Protein backbone atom coordinates (compact mmCIF):
# COMPACT_ATOMS: atom_id res chain seq x y z
CA MET A 1 95.86 113.21 119.16
CA GLU A 2 97.30 114.50 122.44
CA PRO A 3 97.35 118.30 123.08
CA ASP A 4 100.29 120.67 122.68
CA LEU A 5 102.48 118.37 120.59
CA ASN A 6 105.71 119.79 119.22
CA ALA A 7 108.38 118.58 116.83
CA ALA A 8 110.67 117.32 119.60
CA THR A 9 107.95 115.13 121.13
CA LEU A 10 106.83 113.74 117.79
CA ARG A 11 110.39 112.99 116.72
CA THR A 12 111.20 111.26 120.01
CA TRP A 13 108.17 109.00 119.67
CA ALA A 14 109.03 108.19 116.04
CA GLU A 15 112.64 107.34 116.83
CA VAL A 16 111.82 105.21 119.87
CA ILE A 17 109.18 103.27 117.90
CA ASP A 18 111.65 102.78 115.05
CA GLU A 19 114.28 101.45 117.45
CA GLY A 20 111.90 99.18 119.35
CA PRO A 21 110.30 95.82 118.57
CA PHE A 22 107.34 97.38 116.77
CA SER A 23 106.18 96.67 113.22
CA SER A 24 104.53 99.99 112.42
CA LEU A 25 104.22 103.65 113.34
CA CYS A 26 100.62 104.78 112.91
CA TRP A 27 98.72 108.05 113.06
CA GLY A 28 95.24 109.23 112.23
CA GLU A 29 93.52 112.06 110.41
CA ARG A 30 91.16 114.69 111.70
CA VAL A 31 90.54 118.17 110.35
CA ALA A 32 88.46 120.02 112.96
CA PHE A 33 90.96 119.15 115.70
CA ASP A 34 94.44 120.32 116.73
CA ASN A 35 96.37 117.21 115.68
CA PRO A 36 99.17 117.52 113.07
CA ASP A 37 98.18 117.32 109.41
CA SER A 38 98.53 113.70 108.33
CA LEU A 39 100.34 114.29 105.05
CA THR A 40 102.79 116.80 106.51
CA LEU A 41 103.49 114.39 109.36
CA LEU A 42 104.12 111.63 106.82
CA GLY A 43 107.06 113.56 105.40
CA ALA A 44 108.50 114.11 108.87
CA VAL A 45 108.23 110.53 110.09
CA ALA A 46 109.65 109.27 106.80
CA ALA A 47 112.77 111.30 107.58
CA TRP A 48 112.85 110.39 111.29
CA THR A 49 112.59 106.61 110.80
CA GLU A 50 114.37 103.93 108.80
CA ARG A 51 112.79 100.57 109.64
CA VAL A 52 109.11 100.53 110.62
CA ARG A 53 106.22 100.71 108.21
CA LEU A 54 104.35 104.02 108.26
CA VAL A 55 100.60 103.51 108.49
CA THR A 56 97.85 106.12 108.12
CA THR A 57 94.90 104.93 110.20
CA VAL A 58 92.94 106.35 108.49
CA ILE A 59 92.92 108.98 105.77
CA VAL A 60 89.51 109.96 104.40
CA PRO A 61 89.95 110.46 100.63
CA GLN A 62 86.75 112.51 100.31
CA LEU A 63 88.44 115.26 102.35
CA HIS A 64 91.08 115.70 99.60
CA ASN A 65 91.42 116.16 95.88
CA PRO A 66 92.21 112.56 94.86
CA VAL A 67 94.98 113.49 92.41
CA ALA A 68 96.72 115.75 94.93
CA LEU A 69 96.30 113.06 97.60
CA ALA A 70 97.77 110.43 95.31
CA LYS A 71 100.76 112.69 94.60
CA ALA A 72 101.32 113.38 98.30
CA LEU A 73 101.13 109.70 99.24
CA ALA A 74 103.43 108.68 96.38
CA THR A 75 105.89 111.29 97.64
CA GLY A 76 105.65 109.79 101.13
CA ASP A 77 106.30 106.35 99.68
CA VAL A 78 109.41 107.66 97.92
CA LEU A 79 110.70 109.48 101.01
CA SER A 80 110.20 106.38 103.18
CA GLY A 81 111.76 103.99 100.69
CA GLY A 82 108.52 102.10 100.07
CA ARG A 83 107.49 101.73 103.72
CA LEU A 84 104.07 103.36 103.42
CA THR A 85 100.76 101.63 104.16
CA VAL A 86 97.67 103.77 103.61
CA GLY A 87 94.59 103.09 105.68
CA LEU A 88 91.53 104.60 104.01
CA GLY A 89 88.04 105.07 105.39
CA VAL A 90 84.78 106.93 104.97
CA GLY A 91 85.22 108.85 108.21
CA GLY A 92 82.67 109.34 110.95
CA ARG A 93 82.65 113.09 111.52
CA GLU A 94 80.63 115.44 109.33
CA GLU A 95 82.39 118.40 110.95
CA ASP A 96 85.63 117.30 109.26
CA TYR A 97 83.90 117.25 105.88
CA LEU A 98 82.51 120.73 106.45
CA ALA A 99 85.83 122.11 107.72
CA ALA A 100 87.62 120.74 104.65
CA GLY A 101 84.99 122.13 102.28
CA ALA A 102 84.02 118.59 101.28
CA ASP A 103 80.48 117.55 100.39
CA PRO A 104 78.94 115.49 103.24
CA ALA A 105 76.90 113.69 100.57
CA THR A 106 80.14 111.97 99.53
CA GLN A 107 80.51 110.42 103.01
CA THR A 108 79.70 107.03 101.50
CA ILE A 109 81.41 103.82 100.45
CA ARG A 110 80.86 104.81 96.82
CA GLY A 111 82.42 108.23 97.39
CA MET A 112 85.50 106.63 98.91
CA ASN A 113 85.86 103.93 96.26
CA GLU A 114 85.55 106.42 93.38
CA ARG A 115 88.46 108.46 94.73
CA ILE A 116 90.58 105.41 95.40
CA ALA A 117 90.11 104.38 91.76
CA VAL A 118 91.45 107.77 90.64
CA MET A 119 94.43 107.47 93.01
CA GLN A 120 95.28 104.02 91.66
CA ARG A 121 95.23 105.39 88.11
CA VAL A 122 97.71 108.09 89.16
CA TRP A 123 100.00 105.50 90.78
CA ALA A 124 99.81 103.34 87.65
CA GLY A 125 101.25 106.26 85.65
CA GLU A 126 98.10 107.02 83.69
CA LYS A 127 97.46 110.58 82.52
CA ILE A 128 94.39 111.89 84.29
CA THR A 129 94.19 114.89 81.94
CA ASP A 130 95.79 115.86 78.64
CA SER A 131 99.05 116.85 80.33
CA VAL A 132 102.58 116.56 78.93
CA LEU A 133 103.57 114.14 81.68
CA PRO A 134 101.49 112.07 84.11
CA VAL A 135 101.23 113.08 87.76
CA GLY A 136 104.30 111.87 89.65
CA PRO A 137 106.45 110.87 91.37
CA ALA A 138 106.05 107.18 90.78
CA PRO A 139 105.69 105.37 94.12
CA VAL A 140 108.40 102.91 95.15
CA GLN A 141 105.80 100.19 95.65
CA VAL A 142 104.62 99.09 92.21
CA GLY A 143 101.01 100.12 91.72
CA GLY A 144 101.10 102.41 94.74
CA PRO A 145 101.35 102.14 98.51
CA GLU A 146 99.83 99.15 100.27
CA LEU A 147 96.16 99.95 101.00
CA MET A 148 94.05 98.94 104.00
CA VAL A 149 90.39 99.65 104.66
CA GLY A 150 89.67 101.30 107.98
CA THR A 151 86.22 100.19 109.10
CA ILE A 152 84.20 98.29 111.67
CA GLY A 153 81.35 97.65 109.21
CA PRO A 154 80.95 94.41 107.22
CA LYS A 155 79.42 96.23 104.21
CA THR A 156 82.38 98.61 103.84
CA LEU A 157 84.77 95.73 104.41
CA ARG A 158 83.23 93.60 101.67
CA SER A 159 83.29 96.52 99.23
CA ALA A 160 87.04 96.92 99.76
CA ALA A 161 88.01 93.37 98.80
CA GLY A 162 88.82 94.51 95.27
CA TRP A 163 91.36 97.16 96.24
CA ALA A 164 92.57 96.64 99.84
CA ALA A 165 95.29 94.32 101.08
CA GLY A 166 93.46 93.94 104.36
CA LEU A 167 91.69 95.51 107.29
CA ALA A 168 92.85 98.25 109.65
CA GLY A 169 90.03 97.90 112.15
CA THR A 170 89.38 99.03 115.68
CA THR A 171 87.71 97.67 118.78
CA LEU A 172 86.22 99.75 121.56
CA ASP A 173 85.55 96.98 124.08
CA LEU A 174 88.27 94.45 123.09
CA ASP A 175 85.66 91.78 122.39
CA VAL A 176 87.83 89.15 120.71
CA ASP A 177 84.91 87.05 119.46
CA LYS A 178 83.23 90.06 117.86
CA GLN A 179 86.52 91.05 116.23
CA ASN A 180 86.94 87.54 114.84
CA GLU A 181 83.49 87.74 113.27
CA LEU A 182 84.65 90.79 111.31
CA PHE A 183 87.88 89.00 110.42
CA ASP A 184 85.79 86.12 109.05
CA VAL A 185 83.91 88.59 106.84
CA ALA A 186 87.27 89.75 105.46
CA ARG A 187 88.54 86.22 104.96
CA SER A 188 85.42 85.25 103.02
CA ALA A 189 85.24 88.46 100.96
CA TRP A 190 88.90 88.28 99.94
CA ALA A 191 88.56 84.59 98.99
CA GLU A 192 85.45 85.29 96.91
CA ALA A 193 87.32 88.10 95.12
CA GLY A 194 90.22 85.74 94.37
CA ARG A 195 92.56 87.84 96.49
CA PRO A 196 95.39 86.66 98.77
CA LYS A 197 94.58 86.21 102.44
CA PRO A 198 93.89 89.66 103.95
CA HIS A 199 96.18 91.35 106.46
CA LEU A 200 94.10 91.55 109.65
CA ALA A 201 94.81 94.43 112.01
CA THR A 202 92.84 95.92 114.85
CA SER A 203 93.48 98.78 117.24
CA PHE A 204 92.48 99.99 120.69
CA TRP A 205 93.26 102.81 123.09
CA PHE A 206 95.73 101.87 125.81
CA ALA A 207 97.21 103.10 129.08
CA ILE A 208 99.77 101.02 130.92
CA GLY A 209 100.26 101.53 134.65
CA GLU A 210 98.54 101.34 138.02
CA PRO A 211 94.82 100.50 137.57
CA GLU A 212 93.17 103.74 138.72
CA ALA A 213 95.71 106.08 137.14
CA ALA A 214 95.72 104.19 133.85
CA ARG A 215 91.94 104.15 133.56
CA ALA A 216 91.79 107.86 134.43
CA GLN A 217 94.31 108.49 131.63
CA VAL A 218 92.06 106.73 129.11
CA ARG A 219 89.05 108.71 130.34
CA ARG A 220 90.86 112.06 129.95
CA HIS A 221 91.90 111.16 126.43
CA LEU A 222 88.43 110.00 125.39
CA LEU A 223 86.76 113.15 126.72
CA ARG A 224 89.10 115.26 124.61
CA TYR A 225 89.15 113.11 121.49
CA MET A 226 85.43 112.26 121.35
CA ASN A 227 84.48 115.90 121.55
CA TRP A 228 81.59 115.48 119.10
CA ILE A 229 79.79 113.23 121.63
CA PRO A 230 78.15 114.69 124.77
CA ALA A 231 80.52 114.38 127.71
CA GLU A 232 78.05 112.38 129.79
CA PHE A 233 77.93 109.69 127.09
CA VAL A 234 81.72 109.54 126.91
CA ASP A 235 81.87 109.27 130.69
CA ALA A 236 79.49 106.31 130.51
CA MET A 237 81.70 104.62 127.89
CA ALA A 238 85.03 105.37 129.55
CA PRO A 239 85.13 102.48 132.07
CA THR A 240 84.87 99.84 129.33
CA THR A 241 86.43 101.52 126.29
CA GLY A 242 90.01 100.74 125.39
CA TRP A 243 92.46 98.91 127.62
CA SER A 244 94.24 99.87 130.82
CA GLY A 245 96.31 97.77 133.20
CA SER A 246 99.62 96.12 133.93
CA PRO A 247 102.28 94.82 131.51
CA GLU A 248 101.22 91.26 132.31
CA GLU A 249 97.60 92.04 131.48
CA LEU A 250 98.58 93.67 128.19
CA SER A 251 100.60 90.60 127.24
CA GLU A 252 97.55 88.41 127.86
CA VAL A 253 95.32 90.69 125.75
CA LEU A 254 97.77 90.60 122.84
CA ARG A 255 97.96 86.80 123.05
CA ARG A 256 94.17 86.57 122.86
CA PHE A 257 94.14 88.64 119.67
CA ALA A 258 96.99 86.58 118.23
CA ALA A 259 94.95 83.43 118.87
CA ILE A 260 92.20 84.57 116.45
CA GLY A 261 94.70 85.26 113.68
CA THR A 262 95.31 88.98 114.20
CA ASP A 263 98.37 89.94 112.17
CA GLU A 264 98.93 93.28 113.85
CA VAL A 265 97.59 95.36 116.74
CA HIS A 266 97.84 99.14 116.50
CA LEU A 267 97.99 100.52 120.04
CA ILE A 268 96.48 104.00 120.31
CA PRO A 269 98.22 106.10 122.98
CA THR A 270 96.29 108.14 125.51
CA SER A 271 99.31 110.12 126.73
CA ASP A 272 102.37 111.72 125.16
CA ASP A 273 104.60 110.26 127.91
CA ILE A 274 107.33 108.33 126.08
CA GLU A 275 107.61 105.97 129.06
CA GLN A 276 104.34 104.41 127.86
CA VAL A 277 106.13 103.32 124.69
CA HIS A 278 109.13 101.94 126.58
CA ARG A 279 106.87 99.86 128.83
CA VAL A 280 104.89 98.47 125.88
CA ALA A 281 108.16 97.70 124.09
CA GLU A 282 109.15 95.44 126.99
CA VAL A 283 105.86 93.58 126.69
CA VAL A 284 106.14 93.17 122.93
CA ALA A 285 109.79 92.04 123.09
CA ALA A 286 108.84 89.31 125.57
CA LEU A 287 105.99 87.87 123.47
């Protein structure tokens, strides 16, 4: 979500993440913004990496034709050799719905779940229409890519227990106790649905470095990214949103999330400086 990205920068990040001690390479979707298109980027990172899982955090299915989206994601799964995890969410920005020509009335849990059901039919090889062949290609992962629900809401989380393998959540203030409450909702919902224990992931913005410079980096990023919120409100949030600090402080934060059973933390960059990745890699390797 940083400005003025080019292919060289994106490829460098992908290759360094693939070489490092990380479990996943993640990216998000917006429409009325100047970030790369998520599905096009999927094809690129599938070619640029060999090891890490590729995680969309998150795609909003209501912004797409579900059959075309299923075909694109199955193609990404094939190109990556079955390394694709798809985070799916309702989305929080009406402007993206309008820019994509999508109906804002579908910005609901029901609207999301209906499209996911269609996508799963495509991945199962069912014919959606009276065509000669079903929509392909068949994904490498049987039944389709691994699915995660991207949400911070208990209602949406409970509704996903039937189709998601887990949660791709986010935390603004890094409140570990509050995050664990949401994890408990997932644990209970998945158990009630007779599903295996859910994969529990959370995410937060980060900047690693000297205190004042790192916090200023987070603030700059938030002002640009949260452009649908009045700047004065973002300024008020900036001192306590996301994480900034030293390698030692990041290690302690990650240990606190590990202690509540977090399976994975998706760190959201607030700079395109590749040195940020190298410094985090040192922290992760030492855990």
